[in-house]
Amino acid sequence: MSLSYKFVIIMCLCYRVELEARDESYDVIIGDLADPIDGGPCYKLYTKSFYELIVKPRLKQGGIFVTQVYISH
């Protein structure tokens, strides 16, 4: 599902797949991820390579990426 306005795009999808498939650059990318359980659906979204190879190239100059922080006790 996607909701689009002139300046805002909201994607309720697997954002790794969406970012890989798109050529656009964004001012802000907000990630709301599930916990990084080994072998779970989101653990690869917590890797350094994901941020360097998938997220960073989709950010405009000066753009920001925001996500929650998972802390394991």
Protein backbone atom coordinates (compact mmCIF):
# COMPACT_ATOMS: atom_id res chain seq x y z
CA MET A 1 0.00 0.00 0.00
CA SER A 2 1.30 3.44 -0.82
CA LEU A 3 -0.11 6.89 -0.18
CA SER A 4 1.36 9.72 -2.23
CA TYR A 5 1.13 13.51 -1.99
CA LYS A 6 3.17 16.12 -3.82
CA PHE A 7 5.92 16.04 -1.18
CA VAL A 8 5.20 12.87 0.82
CA ILE A 9 5.22 9.19 -0.07
CA ILE A 10 4.11 6.71 2.60
CA MET A 11 4.96 3.09 1.92
CA CYS A 12 3.58 0.31 4.09
CA LEU A 13 5.73 -2.37 2.54
CA CYS A 14 9.04 -4.11 2.92
CA TYR A 15 11.09 -1.01 2.45
CA ARG A 16 14.24 -2.91 1.46
CA VAL A 17 12.41 -4.27 -1.61
CA GLU A 18 10.88 -0.87 -2.37
CA LEU A 19 14.16 1.03 -2.05
CA GLU A 20 15.95 -1.49 -4.27
CA ALA A 21 13.25 -1.19 -6.93
CA ARG A 22 13.07 2.62 -7.01
CA ASP A 23 15.39 5.21 -8.52
CA GLU A 24 14.08 8.20 -6.55
CA SER A 25 16.02 9.93 -3.80
CA TYR A 26 14.38 11.05 -0.56
CA ASP A 27 14.89 13.82 1.99
CA VAL A 28 13.77 11.53 4.83
CA ILE A 29 13.39 7.77 5.14
CA ILE A 30 11.72 6.45 8.30
CA GLY A 31 12.08 2.76 9.09
CA ASP A 32 9.79 1.03 11.57
CA LEU A 33 11.26 -2.44 11.95
CA ALA A 34 10.42 -5.55 13.88
CA ASP A 35 13.05 -6.93 16.28
CA PRO A 36 16.21 -8.33 14.63
CA ILE A 37 15.65 -11.99 15.46
CA ASP A 38 18.26 -14.22 13.77
CA GLY A 39 16.64 -15.77 10.73
CA GLY A 40 13.56 -13.54 11.17
CA PRO A 41 12.13 -11.31 8.46
CA CYS A 42 13.98 -8.14 9.51
CA TYR A 43 17.42 -9.18 10.71
CA LYS A 44 19.11 -8.18 7.43
CA LEU A 45 17.69 -4.67 7.82
CA TYR A 46 19.95 -4.19 10.85
CA THR A 47 23.22 -4.74 8.97
CA LYS A 48 25.82 -2.12 8.07
CA SER A 49 25.71 -3.23 4.44
CA PHE A 50 21.94 -2.58 4.28
CA TYR A 51 22.45 1.04 5.32
CA GLU A 52 25.49 1.58 3.09
CA LEU A 53 24.20 -0.18 -0.03
CA ILE A 54 20.42 0.29 0.12
CA VAL A 55 19.46 3.27 2.32
CA LYS A 56 22.31 5.75 1.84
CA PRO A 57 22.14 5.79 -2.00
CA ARG A 58 18.41 6.65 -1.78
CA LEU A 59 18.94 9.69 0.45
CA LYS A 60 19.29 13.13 -1.09
CA GLN A 61 22.32 15.22 -0.12
CA GLY A 62 21.71 16.17 3.53
CA GLY A 63 18.89 13.61 3.82
CA ILE A 64 18.26 11.66 7.01
CA PHE A 65 17.27 8.12 7.93
CA VAL A 66 15.36 7.52 11.15
CA THR A 67 14.58 4.22 12.85
CA GLN A 68 13.96 2.91 16.34
CA VAL A 69 16.79 1.42 18.35
CA TYR A 70 16.66 -2.17 19.54
CA ILE A 71 18.48 -2.81 22.82
CA SER A 72 18.91 -6.37 24.02
CA HIS A 73 19.40 -6.92 27.73
